[in-house]
């Protein structure tokens, strides 16, 4: 089963008038789940959610493809990667190293 990159949000028995509405409903639920959590608690919630959804998907090939796509464009924080933003991710400045 290939990774589905098309919008696939739905709720059985519920009609949506716009294709993105179900995705908006999920996003609202996700934000609500994080409300009033510390950064550490929010990271724990994300980790638990990822594992629950990975178990639901079950197909290791699909999970590997999703991990690869999620990793694209994320630069690991290291001493050579330059300044970091507030979340600890390296910023890509485009400036050569050492300048």
PDB file of N, CA and C in Angstrom:
ATOM      1  N   UNK A   1       0.841  -1.175   0.000  1.00  0.00           N
ATOM      2  CA  UNK A   1       0.000   0.000   0.000  1.00  0.00           C
ATOM      3  C   UNK A   1       0.891   1.245   0.000  1.00  0.00           C
ATOM      4  N   UNK A   2       0.797   2.097  -1.003  1.00  0.00           N
ATOM      5  CA  UNK A   2       1.617   3.312  -1.045  1.00  0.00           C
ATOM      6  C   UNK A   2       1.080   4.366  -0.072  1.00  0.00           C
ATOM      7  N   UNK A   3       1.948   5.285   0.316  1.00  0.00           N
ATOM      8  CA  UNK A   3       1.560   6.377   1.185  1.00  0.00           C
ATOM      9  C   UNK A   3       0.565   7.270   0.454  1.00  0.00           C
ATOM     10  N   UNK A   4      -0.565   7.559   1.091  1.00  0.00           N
ATOM     11  CA  UNK A   4      -1.595   8.410   0.516  1.00  0.00           C
ATOM     12  C   UNK A   4      -1.257   9.865   0.820  1.00  0.00           C
ATOM     13  N   UNK A   5      -0.959  10.649  -0.210  1.00  0.00           N
ATOM     14  CA  UNK A   5      -0.631  12.056  -0.024  1.00  0.00           C
ATOM     15  C   UNK A   5      -1.793  12.980  -0.374  1.00  0.00           C
ATOM     16  N   UNK A   6      -2.933  12.399  -0.715  1.00  0.00           N
ATOM     17  CA  UNK A   6      -4.129  13.200  -0.999  1.00  0.00           C
ATOM     18  C   UNK A   6      -4.923  13.377   0.286  1.00  0.00           C
ATOM     19  N   UNK A   7      -5.673  14.469   0.373  1.00  0.00           N
ATOM     20  CA  UNK A   7      -6.513  14.710   1.544  1.00  0.00           C
ATOM     21  C   UNK A   7      -7.420  13.518   1.764  1.00  0.00           C
ATOM     22  N   UNK A   8      -7.413  12.994   2.985  1.00  0.00           N
ATOM     23  CA  UNK A   8      -8.150  11.762   3.269  1.00  0.00           C
ATOM     24  C   UNK A   8      -8.911  11.853   4.590  1.00  0.00           C
ATOM     25  N   UNK A   9      -9.169  13.040   5.087  1.00  0.00           N
ATOM     26  CA  UNK A   9      -9.885  13.203   6.336  1.00  0.00           C
ATOM     27  C   UNK A   9     -11.380  13.024   6.108  1.00  0.00           C
ATOM     28  N   UNK A  10     -12.003  12.285   6.991  1.00  0.00           N
ATOM     29  CA  UNK A  10     -13.453  12.125   6.930  1.00  0.00           C
ATOM     30  C   UNK A  10     -13.945  11.594   8.261  1.00  0.00           C
ATOM     31  N   UNK A  11     -15.220  11.740   8.487  1.00  0.00           N
ATOM     32  CA  UNK A  11     -15.861  11.190   9.665  1.00  0.00           C
ATOM     33  C   UNK A  11     -17.095  10.442   9.173  1.00  0.00           C
ATOM     34  N   UNK A  12     -17.148   9.134   9.416  1.00  0.00           N
ATOM     35  CA  UNK A  12     -18.283   8.350   8.914  1.00  0.00           C
ATOM     36  C   UNK A  12     -19.624   8.959   9.322  1.00  0.00           C
ATOM     37  N   UNK A  13     -20.503   9.080   8.346  1.00  0.00           N
ATOM     38  CA  UNK A  13     -21.839   9.603   8.585  1.00  0.00           C
ATOM     39  C   UNK A  13     -21.954  11.111   8.590  1.00  0.00           C
ATOM     40  N   UNK A  14     -20.848  11.815   8.451  1.00  0.00           N
ATOM     41  CA  UNK A  14     -20.879  13.277   8.456  1.00  0.00           C
ATOM     42  C   UNK A  14     -20.594  13.799   7.059  1.00  0.00           C
ATOM     43  N   UNK A  15     -21.444  14.717   6.604  1.00  0.00           N
ATOM     44  CA  UNK A  15     -21.240  15.335   5.289  1.00  0.00           C
ATOM     45  C   UNK A  15     -20.530  16.656   5.460  1.00  0.00           C
ATOM     46  N   UNK A  16     -19.551  16.893   4.613  1.00  0.00           N
ATOM     47  CA  UNK A  16     -18.820  18.145   4.623  1.00  0.00           C
ATOM     48  C   UNK A  16     -19.107  18.882   3.327  1.00  0.00           C
ATOM     49  N   UNK A  17     -19.258  20.188   3.422  1.00  0.00           N
ATOM     50  CA  UNK A  17     -19.554  20.984   2.237  1.00  0.00           C
ATOM     51  C   UNK A  17     -18.294  21.414   1.504  1.00  0.00           C
ATOM     52  N   UNK A  18     -17.157  21.338   2.191  1.00  0.00           N
ATOM     53  CA  UNK A  18     -15.876  21.642   1.561  1.00  0.00           C
ATOM     54  C   UNK A  18     -14.921  20.510   1.877  1.00  0.00           C
ATOM     55  N   UNK A  19     -14.062  20.170   0.966  1.00  0.00           N
ATOM     56  CA  UNK A  19     -13.142  19.034   1.133  1.00  0.00           C
ATOM     57  C   UNK A  19     -12.195  19.219   2.314  1.00  0.00           C
ATOM     58  N   UNK A  20     -11.850  20.468   2.646  1.00  0.00           N
ATOM     59  CA  UNK A  20     -10.881  20.703   3.710  1.00  0.00           C
ATOM     60  C   UNK A  20     -11.515  20.748   5.096  1.00  0.00           C
ATOM     61  N   UNK A  21     -12.825  20.750   5.199  1.00  0.00           N
ATOM     62  CA  UNK A  21     -13.497  20.902   6.493  1.00  0.00           C
ATOM     63  C   UNK A  21     -13.136  19.816   7.488  1.00  0.00           C
ATOM     64  N   UNK A  22     -13.070  18.573   7.043  1.00  0.00           N
ATOM     65  CA  UNK A  22     -12.721  17.488   7.965  1.00  0.00           C
ATOM     66  C   UNK A  22     -11.288  17.646   8.474  1.00  0.00           C
ATOM     67  N   UNK A  23     -10.389  18.107   7.626  1.00  0.00           N
ATOM     68  CA  UNK A  23      -9.024  18.389   8.049  1.00  0.00           C
ATOM     69  C   UNK A  23      -8.980  19.514   9.072  1.00  0.00           C
ATOM     70  N   UNK A  24      -9.817  20.517   8.876  1.00  0.00           N
ATOM     71  CA  UNK A  24      -9.922  21.607   9.855  1.00  0.00           C
ATOM     72  C   UNK A  24     -10.419  21.075  11.196  1.00  0.00           C
ATOM     73  N   UNK A  25     -11.361  20.161  11.168  1.00  0.00           N
ATOM     74  CA  UNK A  25     -11.880  19.558  12.400  1.00  0.00           C
ATOM     75  C   UNK A  25     -10.759  18.822  13.132  1.00  0.00           C
ATOM     76  N   UNK A  26      -9.942  18.073  12.386  1.00  0.00           N
ATOM     77  CA  UNK A  26      -8.827  17.365  13.010  1.00  0.00           C
ATOM     78  C   UNK A  26      -7.835  18.356  13.606  1.00  0.00           C
ATOM     79  N   UNK A  27      -7.491  19.383  12.847  1.00  0.00           N
ATOM     80  CA  UNK A  27      -6.520  20.367  13.329  1.00  0.00           C
ATOM     81  C   UNK A  27      -7.019  21.018  14.621  1.00  0.00           C
ATOM     82  N   UNK A  28      -8.288  21.353  14.666  1.00  0.00           N
ATOM     83  CA  UNK A  28      -8.869  21.947  15.875  1.00  0.00           C
ATOM     84  C   UNK A  28      -8.749  20.982  17.061  1.00  0.00           C
ATOM     85  N   UNK A  29      -9.011  19.702  16.828  1.00  0.00           N
ATOM     86  CA  UNK A  29      -8.875  18.695  17.892  1.00  0.00           C
ATOM     87  C   UNK A  29      -7.424  18.558  18.344  1.00  0.00           C
ATOM     88  N   UNK A  30      -6.492  18.619  17.384  1.00  0.00           N
ATOM     89  CA  UNK A  30      -5.072  18.515  17.707  1.00  0.00           C
ATOM     90  C   UNK A  30      -4.625  19.695  18.561  1.00  0.00           C
ATOM     91  N   UNK A  31      -5.020  20.892  18.177  1.00  0.00           N
ATOM     92  CA  UNK A  31      -4.664  22.088  18.954  1.00  0.00           C
ATOM     93  C   UNK A  31      -5.276  22.005  20.344  1.00  0.00           C
ATOM     94  N   UNK A  32      -6.516  21.577  20.442  1.00  0.00           N
ATOM     95  CA  UNK A  32      -7.188  21.452  21.740  1.00  0.00           C
ATOM     96  C   UNK A  32      -6.477  20.427  22.636  1.00  0.00           C
ATOM     97  N   UNK A  33      -5.993  19.341  22.048  1.00  0.00           N
ATOM     98  CA  UNK A  33      -5.284  18.324  22.823  1.00  0.00           C
ATOM     99  C   UNK A  33      -3.996  18.884  23.428  1.00  0.00           C
ATOM    100  N   UNK A  34      -3.392  19.878  22.785  1.00  0.00           N
ATOM    101  CA  UNK A  34      -2.144  20.474  23.267  1.00  0.00           C
ATOM    102  C   UNK A  34      -2.368  21.653  24.216  1.00  0.00           C
ATOM    103  N   UNK A  35      -3.602  22.118  24.324  1.00  0.00           N
ATOM    104  CA  UNK A  35      -3.885  23.297  25.136  1.00  0.00           C
ATOM    105  C   UNK A  35      -3.452  23.077  26.586  1.00  0.00           C
ATOM    106  N   UNK A  36      -2.786  24.062  27.148  1.00  0.00           N
ATOM    107  CA  UNK A  36      -2.350  24.087  28.549  1.00  0.00           C
ATOM    108  C   UNK A  36      -1.239  23.087  28.870  1.00  0.00           C
ATOM    109  N   UNK A  37      -0.602  22.500  27.866  1.00  0.00           N
ATOM    110  CA  UNK A  37       0.514  21.587  28.109  1.00  0.00           C
ATOM    111  C   UNK A  37       1.833  22.345  28.020  1.00  0.00           C
ATOM    112  N   UNK A  38       2.805  21.909  28.797  1.00  0.00           N
ATOM    113  CA  UNK A  38       4.160  22.456  28.679  1.00  0.00           C
ATOM    114  C   UNK A  38       4.762  21.932  27.374  1.00  0.00           C
ATOM    115  N   UNK A  39       5.910  22.462  26.997  1.00  0.00           N
ATOM    116  CA  UNK A  39       6.593  21.966  25.798  1.00  0.00           C
ATOM    117  C   UNK A  39       6.910  20.481  25.933  1.00  0.00           C
ATOM    118  N   UNK A  40       7.355  20.072  27.120  1.00  0.00           N
ATOM    119  CA  UNK A  40       7.694  18.665  27.345  1.00  0.00           C
ATOM    120  C   UNK A  40       6.458  17.780  27.271  1.00  0.00           C
ATOM    121  N   UNK A  41       5.357  18.216  27.867  1.00  0.00           N
ATOM    122  CA  UNK A  41       4.108  17.453  27.823  1.00  0.00           C
ATOM    123  C   UNK A  41       3.564  17.372  26.403  1.00  0.00           C
ATOM    124  N   UNK A  42       3.702  18.471  25.661  1.00  0.00           N
ATOM    125  CA  UNK A  42       3.265  18.496  24.268  1.00  0.00           C
ATOM    126  C   UNK A  42       4.082  17.530  23.417  1.00  0.00           C
ATOM    127  N   UNK A  43       5.394  17.483  23.654  1.00  0.00           N
ATOM    128  CA  UNK A  43       6.251  16.540  22.927  1.00  0.00           C
ATOM    129  C   UNK A  43       5.869  15.105  23.254  1.00  0.00           C
ATOM    130  N   UNK A  44       5.539  14.826  24.510  1.00  0.00           N
ATOM    131  CA  UNK A  44       5.112  13.487  24.910  1.00  0.00           C
ATOM    132  C   UNK A  44       3.790  13.123  24.228  1.00  0.00           C
ATOM    133  N   UNK A  45       2.846  14.066  24.200  1.00  0.00           N
ATOM    134  CA  UNK A  45       1.575  13.821  23.508  1.00  0.00           C
ATOM    135  C   UNK A  45       1.830  13.495  22.040  1.00  0.00           C
ATOM    136  N   UNK A  46       2.708  14.270  21.381  1.00  0.00           N
ATOM    137  CA  UNK A  46       3.031  14.015  19.968  1.00  0.00           C
ATOM    138  C   UNK A  46       3.627  12.623  19.780  1.00  0.00           C
ATOM    139  N   UNK A  47       4.555  12.246  20.661  1.00  0.00           N
ATOM    140  CA  UNK A  47       5.193  10.933  20.547  1.00  0.00           C
ATOM    141  C   UNK A  47       4.167   9.815  20.703  1.00  0.00           C
ATOM    142  N   UNK A  48       3.280   9.951  21.667  1.00  0.00           N
ATOM    143  CA  UNK A  48       2.249   8.928  21.882  1.00  0.00           C
ATOM    144  C   UNK A  48       1.300   8.859  20.687  1.00  0.00           C
ATOM    145  N   UNK A  49       0.918  10.030  20.160  1.00  0.00           N
ATOM    146  CA  UNK A  49       0.016  10.072  19.011  1.00  0.00           C
ATOM    147  C   UNK A  49       0.663   9.423  17.791  1.00  0.00           C
ATOM    148  N   UNK A  50       1.935   9.703  17.564  1.00  0.00           N
ATOM    149  CA  UNK A  50       2.655   9.105  16.428  1.00  0.00           C
ATOM    150  C   UNK A  50       2.659   7.589  16.537  1.00  0.00           C
ATOM    151  N   UNK A  51       2.949   7.072  17.718  1.00  0.00           N
ATOM    152  CA  UNK A  51       2.989   5.616  17.906  1.00  0.00           C
ATOM    153  C   UNK A  51       1.606   4.984  17.742  1.00  0.00           C
ATOM    154  N   UNK A  52       0.576   5.644  18.247  1.00  0.00           N
ATOM    155  CA  UNK A  52      -0.787   5.127  18.072  1.00  0.00           C
ATOM    156  C   UNK A  52      -1.182   5.091  16.598  1.00  0.00           C
ATOM    157  N   UNK A  53      -0.889   6.169  15.876  1.00  0.00           N
ATOM    158  CA  UNK A  53      -1.243   6.221  14.455  1.00  0.00           C
ATOM    159  C   UNK A  53      -0.380   5.266  13.632  1.00  0.00           C
ATOM    160  N   UNK A  54       0.892   5.125  13.987  1.00  0.00           N
ATOM    161  CA  UNK A  54       1.762   4.172  13.287  1.00  0.00           C
ATOM    162  C   UNK A  54       1.229   2.757  13.465  1.00  0.00           C
ATOM    163  N   UNK A  55       0.777   2.430  14.664  1.00  0.00           N
ATOM    164  CA  UNK A  55       0.201   1.109  14.904  1.00  0.00           C
ATOM    165  C   UNK A  55      -1.067   0.913  14.073  1.00  0.00           C
ATOM    166  N   UNK A  56      -1.871   1.968  13.947  1.00  0.00           N
ATOM    167  CA  UNK A  56      -3.108   1.889  13.147  1.00  0.00           C
ATOM    168  C   UNK A  56      -2.782   1.652  11.677  1.00  0.00           C
ATOM    169  N   UNK A  57      -1.761   2.325  11.172  1.00  0.00           N
ATOM    170  CA  UNK A  57      -1.342   2.152   9.771  1.00  0.00           C
ATOM    171  C   UNK A  57      -0.770   0.756   9.577  1.00  0.00           C
ATOM    172  N   UNK A  58       0.190   0.398  10.423  1.00  0.00           N
ATOM    173  CA  UNK A  58       0.710  -0.954  10.434  1.00  0.00           C
ATOM    174  C   UNK A  58       1.685  -1.337   9.336  1.00  0.00           C
ATOM    175  N   UNK A  59       1.581  -0.773   8.173  1.00  0.00           N
ATOM    176  CA  UNK A  59       2.427  -1.128   7.024  1.00  0.00           C
ATOM    177  C   UNK A  59       3.780  -0.435   7.157  1.00  0.00           C
ATOM    178  N   UNK A  60       4.819  -1.212   7.421  1.00  0.00           N
ATOM    179  CA  UNK A  60       6.151  -0.665   7.659  1.00  0.00           C
ATOM    180  C   UNK A  60       6.662   0.127   6.463  1.00  0.00           C
ATOM    181  N   UNK A  61       6.384  -0.325   5.243  1.00  0.00           N
ATOM    182  CA  UNK A  61       6.837   0.408   4.052  1.00  0.00           C
ATOM    183  C   UNK A  61       6.199   1.792   3.996  1.00  0.00           C
ATOM    184  N   UNK A  62       4.931   1.888   4.314  1.00  0.00           N
ATOM    185  CA  UNK A  62       4.228   3.179   4.335  1.00  0.00           C
ATOM    186  C   UNK A  62       4.810   4.071   5.428  1.00  0.00           C
ATOM    187  N   UNK A  63       5.072   3.490   6.583  1.00  0.00           N
ATOM    188  CA  UNK A  63       5.643   4.265   7.690  1.00  0.00           C
ATOM    189  C   UNK A  63       7.040   4.776   7.348  1.00  0.00           C
ATOM    190  N   UNK A  64       7.850   3.949   6.698  1.00  0.00           N
ATOM    191  CA  UNK A  64       9.186   4.388   6.285  1.00  0.00           C
ATOM    192  C   UNK A  64       9.102   5.532   5.276  1.00  0.00           C
ATOM    193  N   UNK A  65       8.174   5.428   4.335  1.00  0.00           N
ATOM    194  CA  UNK A  65       8.001   6.493   3.342  1.00  0.00           C
ATOM    195  C   UNK A  65       7.555   7.786   4.024  1.00  0.00           C
ATOM    196  N   UNK A  66       6.638   7.677   4.978  1.00  0.00           N
ATOM    197  CA  UNK A  66       6.176   8.853   5.717  1.00  0.00           C
ATOM    198  C   UNK A  66       7.314   9.485   6.509  1.00  0.00           C
ATOM    199  N   UNK A  67       8.131   8.664   7.149  1.00  0.00           N
ATOM    200  CA  UNK A  67       9.284   9.185   7.896  1.00  0.00           C
ATOM    201  C   UNK A  67      10.253   9.913   6.968  1.00  0.00           C
ATOM    202  N   UNK A  68      10.503   9.338   5.803  1.00  0.00           N
ATOM    203  CA  UNK A  68      11.415   9.963   4.844  1.00  0.00           C
ATOM    204  C   UNK A  68      10.864  11.312   4.382  1.00  0.00           C
ATOM    205  N   UNK A  69       9.583  11.370   4.054  1.00  0.00           N
ATOM    206  CA  UNK A  69       8.980  12.628   3.610  1.00  0.00           C
ATOM    207  C   UNK A  69       8.968  13.663   4.727  1.00  0.00           C
ATOM    208  N   UNK A  70       8.702  13.224   5.954  1.00  0.00           N
ATOM    209  CA  UNK A  70       8.671  14.148   7.089  1.00  0.00           C
ATOM    210  C   UNK A  70      10.059  14.712   7.372  1.00  0.00           C
ATOM    211  N   UNK A  71      11.090  13.926   7.128  1.00  0.00           N
ATOM    212  CA  UNK A  71      12.463  14.342   7.417  1.00  0.00           C
ATOM    213  C   UNK A  71      13.002  15.322   6.379  1.00  0.00           C
ATOM    214  N   UNK A  72      12.460  15.301   5.154  1.00  0.00           N
ATOM    215  CA  UNK A  72      12.949  16.187   4.094  1.00  0.00           C
ATOM    216  C   UNK A  72      12.889  17.639   4.541  1.00  0.00           C
ATOM    217  N   UNK A  73      14.000  18.336   4.388  1.00  0.00           N
ATOM    218  CA  UNK A  73      14.063  19.753   4.707  1.00  0.00           C
ATOM    219  C   UNK A  73      14.317  20.055   6.171  1.00  0.00           C
ATOM    220  N   UNK A  74      14.363  19.033   7.027  1.00  0.00           N
ATOM    221  CA  UNK A  74      14.666  19.253   8.439  1.00  0.00           C
ATOM    222  C   UNK A  74      16.163  19.112   8.615  1.00  0.00           C
ATOM    223  N   UNK A  75      16.786  20.146   9.125  1.00  0.00           N
ATOM    224  CA  UNK A  75      18.224  20.165   9.293  1.00  0.00           C
ATOM    225  C   UNK A  75      18.540  19.845  10.753  1.00  0.00           C
ATOM    226  N   UNK A  76      19.341  18.802  11.010  1.00  0.00           N
ATOM    227  CA  UNK A  76      19.674  18.477  12.395  1.00  0.00           C
ATOM    228  C   UNK A  76      20.504  19.570  13.047  1.00  0.00           C
ATOM    229  N   UNK A  77      20.263  19.787  14.323  1.00  0.00           N
ATOM    230  CA  UNK A  77      21.026  20.764  15.070  1.00  0.00           C
ATOM    231  C   UNK A  77      22.376  20.154  15.433  1.00  0.00           C
ATOM    232  N   UNK A  78      23.434  20.796  15.015  1.00  0.00           N
ATOM    233  CA  UNK A  78      24.782  20.341  15.337  1.00  0.00           C
ATOM    234  C   UNK A  78      25.669  21.570  15.445  1.00  0.00           C
ATOM    235  N   UNK A  79      26.858  21.427  16.027  1.00  0.00           N
ATOM    236  CA  UNK A  79      27.741  22.587  16.177  1.00  0.00           C
ATOM    237  C   UNK A  79      28.064  23.280  14.852  1.00  0.00           C
ATOM    238  N   UNK A  80      28.040  22.541  13.749  1.00  0.00           N
ATOM    239  CA  UNK A  80      28.393  23.130  12.455  1.00  0.00           C
ATOM    240  C   UNK A  80      27.187  23.690  11.703  1.00  0.00           C
ATOM    241  N   UNK A  81      25.968  23.496  12.239  1.00  0.00           N
ATOM    242  CA  UNK A  81      24.791  23.868  11.461  1.00  0.00           C
ATOM    243  C   UNK A  81      24.384  25.321  11.616  1.00  0.00           C
ATOM    244  N   UNK A  82      24.999  26.060  12.531  1.00  0.00           N
ATOM    245  CA  UNK A  82      24.698  27.475  12.645  1.00  0.00           C
ATOM    246  C   UNK A  82      23.690  27.764  13.727  1.00  0.00           C
ATOM    247  N   UNK A  83      23.105  28.970  13.692  1.00  0.00           N
ATOM    248  CA  UNK A  83      22.192  29.383  14.755  1.00  0.00           C
ATOM    249  C   UNK A  83      20.930  28.527  14.770  1.00  0.00           C
ATOM    250  N   UNK A  84      20.312  28.455  15.941  1.00  0.00           N
ATOM    251  CA  UNK A  84      19.093  27.666  16.098  1.00  0.00           C
ATOM    252  C   UNK A  84      17.927  28.591  16.415  1.00  0.00           C
ATOM    253  N   UNK A  85      16.740  28.171  16.023  1.00  0.00           N
ATOM    254  CA  UNK A  85      15.544  28.932  16.368  1.00  0.00           C
ATOM    255  C   UNK A  85      15.076  28.509  17.761  1.00  0.00           C
ATOM    256  N   UNK A  86      13.953  29.047  18.220  1.00  0.00           N
ATOM    257  CA  UNK A  86      13.445  28.789  19.567  1.00  0.00           C
ATOM    258  C   UNK A  86      13.083  27.331  19.793  1.00  0.00           C
ATOM    259  N   UNK A  87      12.809  26.580  18.760  1.00  0.00           N
ATOM    260  CA  UNK A  87      12.437  25.174  18.889  1.00  0.00           C
ATOM    261  C   UNK A  87      13.659  24.261  18.826  1.00  0.00           C
ATOM    262  N   UNK A  88      14.848  24.819  18.638  1.00  0.00           N
ATOM    263  CA  UNK A  88      16.052  24.004  18.607  1.00  0.00           C
ATOM    264  C   UNK A  88      16.381  23.456  17.233  1.00  0.00           C
ATOM    265  N   UNK A  89      15.694  23.914  16.188  1.00  0.00           N
ATOM    266  CA  UNK A  89      15.992  23.469  14.832  1.00  0.00           C
ATOM    267  C   UNK A  89      16.992  24.429  14.208  1.00  0.00           C
ATOM    268  N   UNK A  90      17.900  23.886  13.468  1.00  0.00           N
ATOM    269  CA  UNK A  90      18.895  24.723  12.820  1.00  0.00           C
ATOM    270  C   UNK A  90      18.235  25.584  11.748  1.00  0.00           C
ATOM    271  N   UNK A  91      18.645  26.817  11.688  1.00  0.00           N
ATOM    272  CA  UNK A  91      18.129  27.727  10.674  1.00  0.00           C
ATOM    273  C   UNK A  91      19.035  27.666   9.455  1.00  0.00           C
ATOM    274  N   UNK A  92      18.437  27.605   8.297  1.00  0.00           N
ATOM    275  CA  UNK A  92      19.215  27.629   7.066  1.00  0.00           C
ATOM    276  C   UNK A  92      19.314  29.073   6.611  1.00  0.00           C
ATOM    277  N   UNK A  93      20.498  29.667   6.773  1.00  0.00           N
ATOM    278  CA  UNK A  93      20.671  31.080   6.451  1.00  0.00           C
ATOM    279  C   UNK A  93      21.152  31.299   5.030  1.00  0.00           C
ATOM    280  N   UNK A  94      21.732  30.258   4.444  1.00  0.00           N
ATOM    281  CA  UNK A  94      22.274  30.417   3.108  1.00  0.00           C
ATOM    282  C   UNK A  94      23.659  31.016   3.111  1.00  0.00           C
ATOM    283  N   UNK A  95      24.118  31.502   4.276  1.00  0.00           N
ATOM    284  CA  UNK A  95      25.456  32.072   4.382  1.00  0.00           C
ATOM    285  C   UNK A  95      26.469  30.962   4.512  1.00  0.00           C
ATOM    286  N   UNK A  96      27.645  31.119   3.930  1.00  0.00           N
ATOM    287  CA  UNK A  96      28.678  30.087   4.068  1.00  0.00           C
ATOM    288  C   UNK A  96      29.075  29.950   5.537  1.00  0.00           C
ATOM    289  N   UNK A  97      29.540  28.736   5.882  1.00  0.00           N
ATOM    290  CA  UNK A  97      29.993  28.477   7.252  1.00  0.00           C
ATOM    291  C   UNK A  97      31.113  29.423   7.623  1.00  0.00           C
ATOM    292  N   UNK A  98      31.100  29.831   8.901  1.00  0.00           N
ATOM    293  CA  UNK A  98      32.166  30.684   9.405  1.00  0.00           C
ATOM    294  C   UNK A  98      31.975  32.154   9.118  1.00  0.00           C
ATOM    295  N   UNK A  99      30.841  32.554   8.529  1.00  0.00           N
ATOM    296  CA  UNK A  99      30.619  33.987   8.261  1.00  0.00           C
ATOM    297  C   UNK A  99      29.586  34.538   9.183  1.00  0.00           C
TER     298      UNK A  99
END
